[in-house]
């Protein structure tokens, strides 16, 4: 079973970067999820899918995996490129683009 070490992405409901600076160790699924025939709920017999360990740095997560003898894979995060936008540019005299309401 392979462990994944990564930084979680921010959720769609987040505007800030809270809880995205720490590193997470979780396991890749062993079995596929299946649908319950009666209720239609999704279930899995994989218990390690419920475990997530959080670390302050990538090195701590790697050290933990090596200490426990786990096979691991590091997934490097893709950094955001923040776009600087100024509200006053909407009313600039030499504005490029048409003004629409």
N, C-alpha and C. Protein backbone atom coordinates (compact mmCIF):
# COMPACT_ATOMS: atom_id res chain seq x y z
N UNK A 1 0.85 -1.17 0.00
CA UNK A 1 0.00 0.00 0.00
C UNK A 1 0.89 1.24 0.00
N UNK A 2 0.62 2.16 -0.88
CA UNK A 2 1.43 3.35 -1.05
C UNK A 2 0.80 4.52 -0.32
N UNK A 3 1.62 5.24 0.43
CA UNK A 3 1.16 6.44 1.12
C UNK A 3 1.43 7.65 0.23
N UNK A 4 0.52 8.61 0.25
CA UNK A 4 0.69 9.86 -0.51
C UNK A 4 1.00 10.98 0.47
N UNK A 5 2.00 11.77 0.15
CA UNK A 5 2.35 12.94 0.96
C UNK A 5 2.09 14.15 0.08
N UNK A 6 1.19 15.02 0.53
CA UNK A 6 0.83 16.19 -0.28
C UNK A 6 0.33 17.30 0.63
N UNK A 7 0.15 18.47 0.04
CA UNK A 7 -0.50 19.58 0.73
C UNK A 7 -1.91 19.69 0.20
N UNK A 8 -2.94 19.71 1.07
CA UNK A 8 -4.32 19.77 0.57
C UNK A 8 -4.61 21.13 -0.08
N UNK A 9 -5.43 21.11 -1.10
CA UNK A 9 -5.85 22.34 -1.76
C UNK A 9 -6.95 23.00 -0.94
N UNK A 10 -7.13 24.29 -1.13
CA UNK A 10 -8.20 24.97 -0.41
C UNK A 10 -9.54 24.55 -0.99
N UNK A 11 -10.55 24.56 -0.16
CA UNK A 11 -11.87 24.16 -0.62
C UNK A 11 -12.52 25.29 -1.41
N UNK A 12 -13.59 24.99 -2.10
CA UNK A 12 -14.30 25.99 -2.89
C UNK A 12 -14.95 27.04 -2.00
N UNK A 13 -15.19 26.71 -0.74
CA UNK A 13 -15.83 27.64 0.18
C UNK A 13 -14.83 28.53 0.91
N UNK A 14 -13.55 28.36 0.65
CA UNK A 14 -12.52 29.16 1.32
C UNK A 14 -12.09 30.32 0.44
N UNK A 15 -11.90 31.48 1.06
CA UNK A 15 -11.31 32.59 0.32
C UNK A 15 -9.84 32.75 0.70
N UNK A 16 -9.47 32.29 1.89
CA UNK A 16 -8.09 32.41 2.35
C UNK A 16 -7.31 31.13 2.15
N UNK A 17 -6.13 31.08 2.76
CA UNK A 17 -5.24 29.93 2.61
C UNK A 17 -5.14 29.09 3.88
N UNK A 18 -6.14 29.16 4.76
CA UNK A 18 -6.11 28.40 6.00
C UNK A 18 -6.10 26.91 5.72
N UNK A 19 -5.35 26.17 6.52
CA UNK A 19 -5.23 24.71 6.43
C UNK A 19 -4.63 24.21 5.13
N UNK A 20 -3.93 25.06 4.38
CA UNK A 20 -3.28 24.62 3.15
C UNK A 20 -1.76 24.65 3.28
N UNK A 21 -1.24 25.07 4.41
CA UNK A 21 0.20 25.16 4.61
C UNK A 21 0.79 23.89 5.20
N UNK A 22 -0.04 23.02 5.77
CA UNK A 22 0.46 21.81 6.38
C UNK A 22 0.44 20.66 5.37
N UNK A 23 1.24 19.64 5.65
CA UNK A 23 1.37 18.49 4.77
C UNK A 23 0.54 17.34 5.30
N UNK A 24 -0.03 16.56 4.40
CA UNK A 24 -0.93 15.47 4.77
C UNK A 24 -0.39 14.15 4.22
N UNK A 25 -0.47 13.12 5.05
CA UNK A 25 -0.11 11.77 4.63
C UNK A 25 -1.39 10.94 4.66
N UNK A 26 -1.78 10.41 3.51
CA UNK A 26 -2.92 9.51 3.43
C UNK A 26 -2.57 8.36 2.50
N UNK A 27 -3.43 7.37 2.42
CA UNK A 27 -3.13 6.17 1.65
C UNK A 27 -3.95 6.13 0.38
N UNK A 28 -3.34 5.58 -0.69
CA UNK A 28 -4.08 5.35 -1.93
C UNK A 28 -5.05 4.20 -1.71
N UNK A 29 -6.22 4.24 -2.32
CA UNK A 29 -7.22 3.19 -2.07
C UNK A 29 -6.77 1.82 -2.59
N UNK A 30 -7.04 0.79 -1.79
CA UNK A 30 -6.72 -0.58 -2.19
C UNK A 30 -7.81 -1.17 -3.06
N UNK A 31 -9.06 -0.86 -2.72
CA UNK A 31 -10.19 -1.40 -3.47
C UNK A 31 -11.06 -0.25 -3.97
N UNK A 32 -11.80 -0.54 -5.01
CA UNK A 32 -12.71 0.47 -5.56
C UNK A 32 -13.94 0.61 -4.66
N UNK A 33 -14.53 1.78 -4.67
CA UNK A 33 -15.75 2.01 -3.90
C UNK A 33 -16.92 1.37 -4.64
N UNK A 34 -17.91 0.93 -3.88
CA UNK A 34 -19.07 0.28 -4.48
C UNK A 34 -20.35 0.93 -3.96
N UNK A 35 -21.40 0.82 -4.75
CA UNK A 35 -22.69 1.39 -4.37
C UNK A 35 -23.54 0.32 -3.70
N UNK A 36 -24.17 0.68 -2.60
CA UNK A 36 -25.07 -0.24 -1.90
C UNK A 36 -26.31 -0.43 -2.77
N UNK A 37 -26.72 -1.68 -3.03
CA UNK A 37 -27.86 -1.88 -3.94
C UNK A 37 -29.20 -1.39 -3.38
N UNK A 38 -29.35 -1.38 -2.06
CA UNK A 38 -30.63 -0.98 -1.48
C UNK A 38 -30.76 0.54 -1.37
N UNK A 39 -29.77 1.18 -0.73
CA UNK A 39 -29.87 2.61 -0.46
C UNK A 39 -29.11 3.47 -1.48
N UNK A 40 -28.16 2.88 -2.20
CA UNK A 40 -27.39 3.64 -3.17
C UNK A 40 -26.23 4.40 -2.56
N UNK A 41 -25.93 4.16 -1.27
CA UNK A 41 -24.81 4.82 -0.62
C UNK A 41 -23.51 4.25 -1.14
N UNK A 42 -22.49 5.08 -1.19
CA UNK A 42 -21.18 4.63 -1.61
C UNK A 42 -20.43 4.11 -0.39
N UNK A 43 -19.84 2.92 -0.54
CA UNK A 43 -19.11 2.32 0.57
C UNK A 43 -17.81 1.72 0.06
N UNK A 44 -16.94 1.41 1.02
CA UNK A 44 -15.65 0.81 0.70
C UNK A 44 -15.22 -0.07 1.86
N UNK A 45 -14.50 -1.12 1.55
CA UNK A 45 -13.97 -2.00 2.60
C UNK A 45 -12.56 -1.59 3.00
N UNK A 46 -12.06 -0.51 2.44
CA UNK A 46 -10.72 -0.02 2.71
C UNK A 46 -10.73 0.88 3.95
N UNK A 47 -10.21 0.40 5.06
CA UNK A 47 -10.23 1.18 6.31
C UNK A 47 -9.14 2.25 6.36
N UNK A 48 -8.05 2.05 5.63
CA UNK A 48 -6.98 3.05 5.66
C UNK A 48 -7.38 4.33 4.92
N UNK A 49 -8.44 4.29 4.15
CA UNK A 49 -8.92 5.48 3.46
C UNK A 49 -9.47 6.53 4.41
N UNK A 50 -9.71 6.15 5.66
CA UNK A 50 -10.25 7.08 6.64
C UNK A 50 -9.16 7.78 7.45
N UNK A 51 -7.92 7.37 7.28
CA UNK A 51 -6.82 7.90 8.09
C UNK A 51 -6.08 8.99 7.34
N UNK A 52 -5.92 10.12 7.99
CA UNK A 52 -5.11 11.23 7.46
C UNK A 52 -4.25 11.76 8.59
N UNK A 53 -2.97 11.85 8.33
CA UNK A 53 -2.03 12.39 9.31
C UNK A 53 -1.50 13.72 8.78
N UNK A 54 -1.42 14.72 9.65
CA UNK A 54 -0.97 16.04 9.25
C UNK A 54 0.37 16.36 9.90
N UNK A 55 1.25 17.01 9.13
CA UNK A 55 2.58 17.39 9.57
C UNK A 55 2.84 18.84 9.19
N UNK A 56 3.74 19.47 9.95
CA UNK A 56 4.05 20.87 9.69
C UNK A 56 4.90 21.04 8.43
N UNK A 57 5.80 20.10 8.17
CA UNK A 57 6.68 20.20 7.00
C UNK A 57 6.69 18.90 6.22
N UNK A 58 7.15 18.99 4.98
CA UNK A 58 7.26 17.81 4.12
C UNK A 58 8.30 16.84 4.67
N UNK A 59 9.38 17.38 5.23
CA UNK A 59 10.45 16.54 5.76
C UNK A 59 9.96 15.70 6.95
N UNK A 60 9.09 16.27 7.77
CA UNK A 60 8.53 15.51 8.90
C UNK A 60 7.67 14.35 8.40
N UNK A 61 6.90 14.58 7.36
CA UNK A 61 6.04 13.53 6.80
C UNK A 61 6.89 12.42 6.18
N UNK A 62 7.95 12.79 5.47
CA UNK A 62 8.84 11.80 4.87
C UNK A 62 9.56 11.01 5.95
N UNK A 63 10.02 11.69 6.98
CA UNK A 63 10.70 11.01 8.08
C UNK A 63 9.77 10.01 8.77
N UNK A 64 8.50 10.36 8.95
CA UNK A 64 7.54 9.46 9.56
C UNK A 64 7.34 8.22 8.70
N UNK A 65 7.18 8.42 7.38
CA UNK A 65 6.97 7.30 6.47
C UNK A 65 8.19 6.37 6.46
N UNK A 66 9.38 6.94 6.47
CA UNK A 66 10.59 6.11 6.47
C UNK A 66 10.76 5.39 7.80
N UNK A 67 10.42 6.06 8.90
CA UNK A 67 10.55 5.44 10.22
C UNK A 67 9.59 4.26 10.37
N UNK A 68 8.40 4.36 9.78
CA UNK A 68 7.42 3.29 9.86
C UNK A 68 7.58 2.25 8.74
N UNK A 69 8.51 2.49 7.82
CA UNK A 69 8.75 1.55 6.73
C UNK A 69 7.67 1.56 5.67
N UNK A 70 7.05 2.72 5.45
CA UNK A 70 5.98 2.85 4.47
C UNK A 70 6.54 3.22 3.10
N UNK A 71 5.96 2.66 2.07
CA UNK A 71 6.28 3.09 0.72
C UNK A 71 5.47 4.37 0.48
N UNK A 72 6.12 5.42 0.00
CA UNK A 72 5.42 6.70 -0.12
C UNK A 72 5.71 7.36 -1.46
N UNK A 73 4.87 8.32 -1.80
CA UNK A 73 5.00 9.12 -3.01
C UNK A 73 4.71 10.56 -2.62
N UNK A 74 5.60 11.47 -2.98
CA UNK A 74 5.43 12.89 -2.65
C UNK A 74 4.80 13.60 -3.85
N UNK A 75 3.72 14.30 -3.61
CA UNK A 75 3.04 15.09 -4.64
C UNK A 75 3.31 16.56 -4.33
N UNK A 76 4.10 17.19 -5.18
CA UNK A 76 4.45 18.61 -4.97
C UNK A 76 3.25 19.49 -5.30
N UNK A 77 3.00 20.53 -4.49
CA UNK A 77 1.85 21.41 -4.75
C UNK A 77 2.12 22.36 -5.91
N UNK A 78 1.06 22.75 -6.56
CA UNK A 78 1.14 23.77 -7.61
C UNK A 78 0.82 25.11 -6.96
N UNK A 79 1.77 26.01 -6.99
CA UNK A 79 1.58 27.31 -6.34
C UNK A 79 0.66 28.20 -7.16
N UNK A 80 -0.16 28.97 -6.47
CA UNK A 80 -1.05 29.93 -7.11
C UNK A 80 -0.26 31.12 -7.62
N UNK A 81 -0.69 31.67 -8.71
CA UNK A 81 -0.13 32.91 -9.21
C UNK A 81 -1.18 33.99 -8.97
N UNK A 82 -1.07 34.74 -7.85
CA UNK A 82 -2.11 35.73 -7.56
C UNK A 82 -2.12 36.84 -8.60
N UNK A 83 -3.31 37.21 -9.02
CA UNK A 83 -3.49 38.27 -10.00
C UNK A 83 -3.86 39.54 -9.25
N UNK A 84 -3.07 40.58 -9.40
CA UNK A 84 -3.36 41.83 -8.71
C UNK A 84 -4.37 42.63 -9.53
N UNK A 85 -5.48 42.96 -8.91
CA UNK A 85 -6.55 43.68 -9.57
C UNK A 85 -6.87 44.91 -8.73
N UNK A 86 -6.99 46.03 -9.38
CA UNK A 86 -7.31 47.27 -8.70
C UNK A 86 -8.73 47.70 -9.07
N UNK A 87 -9.51 48.01 -8.07
CA UNK A 87 -10.88 48.44 -8.31
C UNK A 87 -10.93 49.74 -9.10
N UNK A 88 -9.97 50.61 -8.85
CA UNK A 88 -9.98 51.91 -9.53
C UNK A 88 -9.71 51.78 -11.03
N UNK A 89 -9.13 50.66 -11.47
CA UNK A 89 -8.89 50.47 -12.91
C UNK A 89 -10.19 50.36 -13.70
N UNK A 90 -11.29 50.04 -13.04
CA UNK A 90 -12.57 49.98 -13.73
C UNK A 90 -13.02 51.35 -14.24
N UNK A 91 -12.55 52.41 -13.62
CA UNK A 91 -12.98 53.77 -13.96
C UNK A 91 -11.87 54.59 -14.59
N UNK A 92 -10.81 53.93 -15.03
CA UNK A 92 -9.66 54.61 -15.61
C UNK A 92 -10.04 55.24 -16.96
N UNK A 93 -9.46 56.41 -17.26
CA UNK A 93 -9.77 57.13 -18.49
C UNK A 93 -9.35 56.32 -19.72
N UNK A 94 -8.15 55.79 -19.71
CA UNK A 94 -7.64 55.05 -20.87
C UNK A 94 -7.93 53.57 -20.77
N UNK A 95 -9.06 53.21 -20.27
CA UNK A 95 -9.42 51.82 -20.05
C UNK A 95 -9.54 51.07 -21.37
N UNK A 96 -8.98 49.87 -21.41
CA UNK A 96 -9.10 49.02 -22.60
C UNK A 96 -10.34 48.15 -22.41
N UNK A 97 -11.18 48.13 -23.38
CA UNK A 97 -12.43 47.36 -23.30
C UNK A 97 -13.62 48.28 -23.16
N UNK A 98 -14.78 47.78 -23.47
CA UNK A 98 -15.97 48.61 -23.44
C UNK A 98 -16.57 48.61 -22.05
N UNK A 99 -17.24 49.67 -21.74
CA UNK A 99 -17.92 49.80 -20.46
C UNK A 99 -19.32 49.24 -20.63
N UNK A 100 -19.66 48.25 -19.83
CA UNK A 100 -20.99 47.65 -19.95
C UNK A 100 -21.67 47.67 -18.60
N UNK A 101 -22.96 47.75 -18.63
CA UNK A 101 -23.76 47.69 -17.41
C UNK A 101 -24.69 46.54 -17.47
